[in-house]
């Protein structure tokens, strides 16, 4: 039985989490051929501070248009600017 674990920052809507679960489950079905009836998925939500990317704590999720994560986009933009 495949078990999928997905860690995300708090703040996504139920609809977004449902789409994520469906997409991940379907990907495992396609990749492995295992029936969806035998796939178990867990979504764990935590504050952004619990995630560290390239030595920096990740900001809390800030929803933008079309599900864009405004806080993460800004952090990546600042990192790119710091390299230049």
PDB file of N, CA and C in Angstrom:
ATOM      1  N   UNK A   1       0.832  -1.175   0.000  1.00  0.00           N
ATOM      2  CA  UNK A   1       0.000   0.000   0.000  1.00  0.00           C
ATOM      3  C   UNK A   1       0.881   1.244   0.000  1.00  0.00           C
ATOM      4  N   UNK A   2       0.848   2.049  -1.062  1.00  0.00           N
ATOM      5  CA  UNK A   2       1.593   3.300  -1.060  1.00  0.00           C
ATOM      6  C   UNK A   2       1.017   4.288  -0.040  1.00  0.00           C
ATOM      7  N   UNK A   3       1.913   4.910   0.706  1.00  0.00           N
ATOM      8  CA  UNK A   3       1.527   5.969   1.636  1.00  0.00           C
ATOM      9  C   UNK A   3       2.210   7.246   1.173  1.00  0.00           C
ATOM     10  N   UNK A   4       1.424   8.260   0.915  1.00  0.00           N
ATOM     11  CA  UNK A   4       1.935   9.548   0.460  1.00  0.00           C
ATOM     12  C   UNK A   4       1.883  10.506   1.643  1.00  0.00           C
ATOM     13  N   UNK A   5       2.991  11.182   1.925  1.00  0.00           N
ATOM     14  CA  UNK A   5       2.976  12.240   2.936  1.00  0.00           C
ATOM     15  C   UNK A   5       3.345  13.545   2.259  1.00  0.00           C
ATOM     16  N   UNK A   6       2.619  14.571   2.600  1.00  0.00           N
ATOM     17  CA  UNK A   6       2.819  15.877   1.984  1.00  0.00           C
ATOM     18  C   UNK A   6       2.829  16.931   3.087  1.00  0.00           C
ATOM     19  N   UNK A   7       3.947  17.609   3.249  1.00  0.00           N
ATOM     20  CA  UNK A   7       4.063  18.671   4.248  1.00  0.00           C
ATOM     21  C   UNK A   7       3.897  20.016   3.547  1.00  0.00           C
ATOM     22  N   UNK A   8       2.945  20.821   4.008  1.00  0.00           N
ATOM     23  CA  UNK A   8       2.719  22.142   3.430  1.00  0.00           C
ATOM     24  C   UNK A   8       2.562  23.165   4.556  1.00  0.00           C
ATOM     25  N   UNK A   9       2.767  24.418   4.184  1.00  0.00           N
ATOM     26  CA  UNK A   9       2.540  25.487   5.149  1.00  0.00           C
ATOM     27  C   UNK A   9       1.046  25.730   5.310  1.00  0.00           C
ATOM     28  N   UNK A  10       0.654  26.105   6.493  1.00  0.00           N
ATOM     29  CA  UNK A  10      -0.740  26.407   6.781  1.00  0.00           C
ATOM     30  C   UNK A  10      -1.241  27.529   5.876  1.00  0.00           C
ATOM     31  N   UNK A  11      -2.526  27.476   5.571  1.00  0.00           N
ATOM     32  CA  UNK A  11      -3.134  28.592   4.859  1.00  0.00           C
ATOM     33  C   UNK A  11      -3.850  28.228   3.576  1.00  0.00           C
ATOM     34  N   UNK A  12      -3.648  27.028   3.074  1.00  0.00           N
ATOM     35  CA  UNK A  12      -4.359  26.636   1.854  1.00  0.00           C
ATOM     36  C   UNK A  12      -5.816  26.363   2.189  1.00  0.00           C
ATOM     37  N   UNK A  13      -6.677  26.560   1.205  1.00  0.00           N
ATOM     38  CA  UNK A  13      -8.095  26.284   1.394  1.00  0.00           C
ATOM     39  C   UNK A  13      -8.343  24.783   1.321  1.00  0.00           C
ATOM     40  N   UNK A  14      -9.515  24.373   1.761  1.00  0.00           N
ATOM     41  CA  UNK A  14      -9.893  22.960   1.653  1.00  0.00           C
ATOM     42  C   UNK A  14      -9.889  22.539   0.186  1.00  0.00           C
ATOM     43  N   UNK A  15     -10.351  23.440  -0.687  1.00  0.00           N
ATOM     44  CA  UNK A  15     -10.379  23.126  -2.118  1.00  0.00           C
ATOM     45  C   UNK A  15      -8.965  22.895  -2.656  1.00  0.00           C
ATOM     46  N   UNK A  16      -8.014  23.744  -2.277  1.00  0.00           N
ATOM     47  CA  UNK A  16      -6.633  23.571  -2.731  1.00  0.00           C
ATOM     48  C   UNK A  16      -6.058  22.251  -2.225  1.00  0.00           C
ATOM     49  N   UNK A  17      -6.320  21.929  -0.964  1.00  0.00           N
ATOM     50  CA  UNK A  17      -5.800  20.680  -0.405  1.00  0.00           C
ATOM     51  C   UNK A  17      -6.451  19.471  -1.068  1.00  0.00           C
ATOM     52  N   UNK A  18      -7.716  19.588  -1.396  1.00  0.00           N
ATOM     53  CA  UNK A  18      -8.393  18.495  -2.098  1.00  0.00           C
ATOM     54  C   UNK A  18      -7.791  18.283  -3.483  1.00  0.00           C
ATOM     55  N   UNK A  19      -7.548  19.369  -4.221  1.00  0.00           N
ATOM     56  CA  UNK A  19      -6.920  19.264  -5.543  1.00  0.00           C
ATOM     57  C   UNK A  19      -5.523  18.665  -5.433  1.00  0.00           C
ATOM     58  N   UNK A  20      -4.788  19.066  -4.414  1.00  0.00           N
ATOM     59  CA  UNK A  20      -3.451  18.520  -4.192  1.00  0.00           C
ATOM     60  C   UNK A  20      -3.534  17.016  -3.939  1.00  0.00           C
ATOM     61  N   UNK A  21      -4.452  16.606  -3.075  1.00  0.00           N
ATOM     62  CA  UNK A  21      -4.605  15.186  -2.758  1.00  0.00           C
ATOM     63  C   UNK A  21      -4.988  14.377  -3.999  1.00  0.00           C
ATOM     64  N   UNK A  22      -5.912  14.897  -4.782  1.00  0.00           N
ATOM     65  CA  UNK A  22      -6.326  14.195  -6.001  1.00  0.00           C
ATOM     66  C   UNK A  22      -5.159  14.085  -6.983  1.00  0.00           C
ATOM     67  N   UNK A  23      -4.440  15.189  -7.178  1.00  0.00           N
ATOM     68  CA  UNK A  23      -3.312  15.181  -8.109  1.00  0.00           C
ATOM     69  C   UNK A  23      -2.216  14.215  -7.690  1.00  0.00           C
ATOM     70  N   UNK A  24      -1.855  14.230  -6.408  1.00  0.00           N
ATOM     71  CA  UNK A  24      -0.811  13.326  -5.925  1.00  0.00           C
ATOM     72  C   UNK A  24      -1.255  11.865  -6.020  1.00  0.00           C
ATOM     73  N   UNK A  25      -2.486  11.611  -5.625  1.00  0.00           N
ATOM     74  CA  UNK A  25      -2.994  10.245  -5.684  1.00  0.00           C
ATOM     75  C   UNK A  25      -3.028   9.743  -7.119  1.00  0.00           C
ATOM     76  N   UNK A  26      -3.522  10.560  -8.031  1.00  0.00           N
ATOM     77  CA  UNK A  26      -3.566  10.155  -9.437  1.00  0.00           C
ATOM     78  C   UNK A  26      -2.166   9.911  -9.999  1.00  0.00           C
ATOM     79  N   UNK A  27      -1.199  10.717  -9.579  1.00  0.00           N
ATOM     80  CA  UNK A  27       0.177  10.530 -10.049  1.00  0.00           C
ATOM     81  C   UNK A  27       0.726   9.176  -9.594  1.00  0.00           C
ATOM     82  N   UNK A  28       0.420   8.786  -8.367  1.00  0.00           N
ATOM     83  CA  UNK A  28       0.898   7.495  -7.866  1.00  0.00           C
ATOM     84  C   UNK A  28       0.186   6.352  -8.586  1.00  0.00           C
ATOM     85  N   UNK A  29      -1.115   6.507  -8.833  1.00  0.00           N
ATOM     86  CA  UNK A  29      -1.845   5.492  -9.589  1.00  0.00           C
ATOM     87  C   UNK A  29      -1.198   5.307 -10.958  1.00  0.00           C
ATOM     88  N   UNK A  30      -0.931   6.420 -11.640  1.00  0.00           N
ATOM     89  CA  UNK A  30      -0.347   6.354 -12.987  1.00  0.00           C
ATOM     90  C   UNK A  30       1.059   5.766 -12.964  1.00  0.00           C
ATOM     91  N   UNK A  31       1.853   6.150 -11.995  1.00  0.00           N
ATOM     92  CA  UNK A  31       3.253   5.699 -11.956  1.00  0.00           C
ATOM     93  C   UNK A  31       3.401   4.244 -11.522  1.00  0.00           C
ATOM     94  N   UNK A  32       2.506   3.796 -10.659  1.00  0.00           N
ATOM     95  CA  UNK A  32       2.688   2.457 -10.102  1.00  0.00           C
ATOM     96  C   UNK A  32       1.667   1.428 -10.572  1.00  0.00           C
ATOM     97  N   UNK A  33       0.531   1.908 -11.048  1.00  0.00           N
ATOM     98  CA  UNK A  33      -0.539   0.995 -11.434  1.00  0.00           C
ATOM     99  C   UNK A  33      -1.332   0.465 -10.257  1.00  0.00           C
ATOM    100  N   UNK A  34      -1.025   0.931  -9.066  1.00  0.00           N
ATOM    101  CA  UNK A  34      -1.752   0.513  -7.868  1.00  0.00           C
ATOM    102  C   UNK A  34      -3.137   1.143  -7.888  1.00  0.00           C
ATOM    103  N   UNK A  35      -4.140   0.398  -7.476  1.00  0.00           N
ATOM    104  CA  UNK A  35      -5.504   0.908  -7.408  1.00  0.00           C
ATOM    105  C   UNK A  35      -5.600   2.040  -6.384  1.00  0.00           C
ATOM    106  N   UNK A  36      -6.394   3.031  -6.705  1.00  0.00           N
ATOM    107  CA  UNK A  36      -6.593   4.153  -5.784  1.00  0.00           C
ATOM    108  C   UNK A  36      -7.115   3.678  -4.431  1.00  0.00           C
ATOM    109  N   UNK A  37      -7.798   2.539  -4.425  1.00  0.00           N
ATOM    110  CA  UNK A  37      -8.331   1.971  -3.185  1.00  0.00           C
ATOM    111  C   UNK A  37      -7.234   1.558  -2.211  1.00  0.00           C
ATOM    112  N   UNK A  38      -6.008   1.451  -2.695  1.00  0.00           N
ATOM    113  CA  UNK A  38      -4.899   1.001  -1.847  1.00  0.00           C
ATOM    114  C   UNK A  38      -3.887   2.111  -1.570  1.00  0.00           C
ATOM    115  N   UNK A  39      -4.275   3.361  -1.816  1.00  0.00           N
ATOM    116  CA  UNK A  39      -3.366   4.491  -1.592  1.00  0.00           C
ATOM    117  C   UNK A  39      -3.862   5.308  -0.415  1.00  0.00           C
ATOM    118  N   UNK A  40      -2.944   5.628   0.485  1.00  0.00           N
ATOM    119  CA  UNK A  40      -3.250   6.416   1.675  1.00  0.00           C
ATOM    120  C   UNK A  40      -2.427   7.693   1.601  1.00  0.00           C
ATOM    121  N   UNK A  41      -3.051   8.828   1.861  1.00  0.00           N
ATOM    122  CA  UNK A  41      -2.371  10.118   1.763  1.00  0.00           C
ATOM    123  C   UNK A  41      -2.572  10.913   3.043  1.00  0.00           C
ATOM    124  N   UNK A  42      -1.509  11.553   3.511  1.00  0.00           N
ATOM    125  CA  UNK A  42      -1.562  12.411   4.684  1.00  0.00           C
ATOM    126  C   UNK A  42      -1.031  13.786   4.297  1.00  0.00           C
ATOM    127  N   UNK A  43      -1.803  14.818   4.586  1.00  0.00           N
ATOM    128  CA  UNK A  43      -1.332  16.196   4.399  1.00  0.00           C
ATOM    129  C   UNK A  43      -1.095  16.765   5.793  1.00  0.00           C
ATOM    130  N   UNK A  44       0.136  17.201   6.043  1.00  0.00           N
ATOM    131  CA  UNK A  44       0.487  17.817   7.322  1.00  0.00           C
ATOM    132  C   UNK A  44       0.718  19.301   7.087  1.00  0.00           C
ATOM    133  N   UNK A  45       0.079  20.126   7.892  1.00  0.00           N
ATOM    134  CA  UNK A  45       0.211  21.571   7.760  1.00  0.00           C
ATOM    135  C   UNK A  45       0.955  22.135   8.971  1.00  0.00           C
ATOM    136  N   UNK A  46       1.888  23.036   8.679  1.00  0.00           N
ATOM    137  CA  UNK A  46       2.679  23.658   9.734  1.00  0.00           C
ATOM    138  C   UNK A  46       2.923  25.121   9.374  1.00  0.00           C
ATOM    139  N   UNK A  47       3.285  25.932  10.353  1.00  0.00           N
ATOM    140  CA  UNK A  47       3.643  27.320  10.037  1.00  0.00           C
ATOM    141  C   UNK A  47       4.896  27.365   9.171  1.00  0.00           C
ATOM    142  N   UNK A  48       5.023  28.409   8.397  1.00  0.00           N
ATOM    143  CA  UNK A  48       6.186  28.557   7.525  1.00  0.00           C
ATOM    144  C   UNK A  48       7.509  28.464   8.261  1.00  0.00           C
ATOM    145  N   UNK A  49       7.558  28.970   9.488  1.00  0.00           N
ATOM    146  CA  UNK A  49       8.794  28.982  10.261  1.00  0.00           C
ATOM    147  C   UNK A  49       9.364  27.582  10.446  1.00  0.00           C
ATOM    148  N   UNK A  50       8.520  26.557  10.390  1.00  0.00           N
ATOM    149  CA  UNK A  50       8.991  25.184  10.566  1.00  0.00           C
ATOM    150  C   UNK A  50       9.717  24.640   9.341  1.00  0.00           C
ATOM    151  N   UNK A  51       9.707  25.378   8.256  1.00  0.00           N
ATOM    152  CA  UNK A  51      10.397  24.980   7.025  1.00  0.00           C
ATOM    153  C   UNK A  51      11.615  25.887   6.844  1.00  0.00           C
ATOM    154  N   UNK A  52      12.730  25.307   6.472  1.00  0.00           N
ATOM    155  CA  UNK A  52      13.955  26.079   6.246  1.00  0.00           C
ATOM    156  C   UNK A  52      14.465  25.739   4.857  1.00  0.00           C
ATOM    157  N   UNK A  53      14.626  26.766   4.033  1.00  0.00           N
ATOM    158  CA  UNK A  53      15.079  26.591   2.654  1.00  0.00           C
ATOM    159  C   UNK A  53      16.351  27.399   2.458  1.00  0.00           C
ATOM    160  N   UNK A  54      17.406  26.733   2.072  1.00  0.00           N
ATOM    161  CA  UNK A  54      18.707  27.385   1.849  1.00  0.00           C
ATOM    162  C   UNK A  54      19.134  28.186   3.082  1.00  0.00           C
ATOM    163  N   UNK A  55      18.883  27.619   4.256  1.00  0.00           N
ATOM    164  CA  UNK A  55      19.305  28.259   5.495  1.00  0.00           C
ATOM    165  C   UNK A  55      18.385  29.362   5.994  1.00  0.00           C
ATOM    166  N   UNK A  56      17.283  29.616   5.308  1.00  0.00           N
ATOM    167  CA  UNK A  56      16.354  30.675   5.705  1.00  0.00           C
ATOM    168  C   UNK A  56      15.004  30.077   6.070  1.00  0.00           C
ATOM    169  N   UNK A  57      14.444  30.567   7.177  1.00  0.00           N
ATOM    170  CA  UNK A  57      13.093  30.141   7.511  1.00  0.00           C
ATOM    171  C   UNK A  57      12.149  30.649   6.428  1.00  0.00           C
ATOM    172  N   UNK A  58      11.215  29.816   6.067  1.00  0.00           N
ATOM    173  CA  UNK A  58      10.260  30.143   5.021  1.00  0.00           C
ATOM    174  C   UNK A  58       9.136  30.978   5.642  1.00  0.00           C
ATOM    175  N   UNK A  59       8.669  32.021   4.949  1.00  0.00           N
ATOM    176  CA  UNK A  59       7.575  32.817   5.508  1.00  0.00           C
ATOM    177  C   UNK A  59       6.270  32.038   5.500  1.00  0.00           C
ATOM    178  N   UNK A  60       5.319  32.503   6.287  1.00  0.00           N
ATOM    179  CA  UNK A  60       3.990  31.902   6.243  1.00  0.00           C
ATOM    180  C   UNK A  60       3.403  32.103   4.860  1.00  0.00           C
ATOM    181  N   UNK A  61       2.552  31.193   4.476  1.00  0.00           N
ATOM    182  CA  UNK A  61       1.896  31.236   3.170  1.00  0.00           C
ATOM    183  C   UNK A  61       0.988  32.466   3.094  1.00  0.00           C
ATOM    184  N   UNK A  62       1.124  33.222   2.013  1.00  0.00           N
ATOM    185  CA  UNK A  62       0.259  34.367   1.748  1.00  0.00           C
ATOM    186  C   UNK A  62      -0.399  34.128   0.394  1.00  0.00           C
ATOM    187  N   UNK A  63      -1.725  33.866   0.394  1.00  0.00           N
ATOM    188  CA  UNK A  63      -2.392  33.545  -0.869  1.00  0.00           C
ATOM    189  C   UNK A  63      -2.454  34.727  -1.813  1.00  0.00           C
ATOM    190  N   UNK A  64      -2.190  34.460  -3.071  1.00  0.00           N
ATOM    191  CA  UNK A  64      -2.292  35.458  -4.124  1.00  0.00           C
ATOM    192  C   UNK A  64      -3.199  34.946  -5.216  1.00  0.00           C
ATOM    193  N   UNK A  65      -3.228  35.641  -6.342  1.00  0.00           N
ATOM    194  CA  UNK A  65      -4.096  35.219  -7.436  1.00  0.00           C
ATOM    195  C   UNK A  65      -3.706  33.838  -7.965  1.00  0.00           C
ATOM    196  N   UNK A  66      -4.713  33.042  -8.292  1.00  0.00           N
ATOM    197  CA  UNK A  66      -4.519  31.702  -8.856  1.00  0.00           C
ATOM    198  C   UNK A  66      -3.650  30.805  -7.979  1.00  0.00           C
ATOM    199  N   UNK A  67      -3.723  30.998  -6.664  1.00  0.00           N
ATOM    200  CA  UNK A  67      -2.981  30.150  -5.741  1.00  0.00           C
ATOM    201  C   UNK A  67      -1.511  30.501  -5.604  1.00  0.00           C
ATOM    202  N   UNK A  68      -1.069  31.592  -6.249  1.00  0.00           N
ATOM    203  CA  UNK A  68       0.326  32.010  -6.125  1.00  0.00           C
ATOM    204  C   UNK A  68       0.656  32.292  -4.667  1.00  0.00           C
ATOM    205  N   UNK A  69       1.783  31.810  -4.216  1.00  0.00           N
ATOM    206  CA  UNK A  69       2.253  32.052  -2.854  1.00  0.00           C
ATOM    207  C   UNK A  69       3.070  33.337  -2.865  1.00  0.00           C
ATOM    208  N   UNK A  70       2.452  34.442  -2.465  1.00  0.00           N
ATOM    209  CA  UNK A  70       3.111  35.750  -2.534  1.00  0.00           C
ATOM    210  C   UNK A  70       4.343  35.832  -1.636  1.00  0.00           C
ATOM    211  N   UNK A  71       4.263  35.256  -0.446  1.00  0.00           N
ATOM    212  CA  UNK A  71       5.395  35.329   0.479  1.00  0.00           C
ATOM    213  C   UNK A  71       6.596  34.562  -0.055  1.00  0.00           C
ATOM    214  N   UNK A  72       6.379  33.363  -0.552  1.00  0.00           N
ATOM    215  CA  UNK A  72       7.494  32.571  -1.085  1.00  0.00           C
ATOM    216  C   UNK A  72       8.066  33.214  -2.337  1.00  0.00           C
ATOM    217  N   UNK A  73       7.192  33.769  -3.179  1.00  0.00           N
ATOM    218  CA  UNK A  73       7.672  34.438  -4.392  1.00  0.00           C
ATOM    219  C   UNK A  73       8.576  35.606  -4.027  1.00  0.00           C
ATOM    220  N   UNK A  74       8.205  36.346  -3.003  1.00  0.00           N
ATOM    221  CA  UNK A  74       9.025  37.482  -2.569  1.00  0.00           C
ATOM    222  C   UNK A  74      10.354  37.003  -1.995  1.00  0.00           C
ATOM    223  N   UNK A  75      10.338  35.914  -1.226  1.00  0.00           N
ATOM    224  CA  UNK A  75      11.577  35.385  -0.665  1.00  0.00           C
ATOM    225  C   UNK A  75      12.515  34.929  -1.783  1.00  0.00           C
ATOM    226  N   UNK A  76      11.994  34.257  -2.786  1.00  0.00           N
ATOM    227  CA  UNK A  76      12.823  33.810  -3.909  1.00  0.00           C
ATOM    228  C   UNK A  76      13.362  34.994  -4.707  1.00  0.00           C
ATOM    229  N   UNK A  77      12.525  36.018  -4.886  1.00  0.00           N
ATOM    230  CA  UNK A  77      12.956  37.215  -5.604  1.00  0.00           C
ATOM    231  C   UNK A  77      14.106  37.906  -4.846  1.00  0.00           C
ATOM    232  N   UNK A  78      13.967  38.029  -3.532  1.00  0.00           N
ATOM    233  CA  UNK A  78      15.018  38.651  -2.725  1.00  0.00           C
ATOM    234  C   UNK A  78      16.309  37.838  -2.791  1.00  0.00           C
ATOM    235  N   UNK A  79      16.198  36.515  -2.753  1.00  0.00           N
ATOM    236  CA  UNK A  79      17.386  35.654  -2.841  1.00  0.00           C
ATOM    237  C   UNK A  79      18.087  35.835  -4.185  1.00  0.00           C
ATOM    238  N   UNK A  80      17.306  35.904  -5.267  1.00  0.00           N
ATOM    239  CA  UNK A  80      17.892  36.086  -6.601  1.00  0.00           C
ATOM    240  C   UNK A  80      18.581  37.440  -6.700  1.00  0.00           C
ATOM    241  N   UNK A  81      17.968  38.484  -6.150  1.00  0.00           N
ATOM    242  CA  UNK A  81      18.562  39.809  -6.174  1.00  0.00           C
ATOM    243  C   UNK A  81      19.852  39.878  -5.357  1.00  0.00           C
ATOM    244  N   UNK A  82      19.909  39.137  -4.274  1.00  0.00           N
ATOM    245  CA  UNK A  82      21.101  39.122  -3.419  1.00  0.00           C
ATOM    246  C   UNK A  82      22.286  38.463  -4.134  1.00  0.00           C
ATOM    247  N   UNK A  83      22.000  37.525  -5.038  1.00  0.00           N
ATOM    248  CA  UNK A  83      23.066  36.855  -5.786  1.00  0.00           C
ATOM    249  C   UNK A  83      23.635  37.741  -6.878  1.00  0.00           C
ATOM    250  N   UNK A  84      22.844  38.687  -7.360  1.00  0.00           N
ATOM    251  CA  UNK A  84      23.286  39.554  -8.468  1.00  0.00           C
ATOM    252  C   UNK A  84      24.050  40.741  -8.000  1.00  0.00           C
TER     253      UNK A  84
END
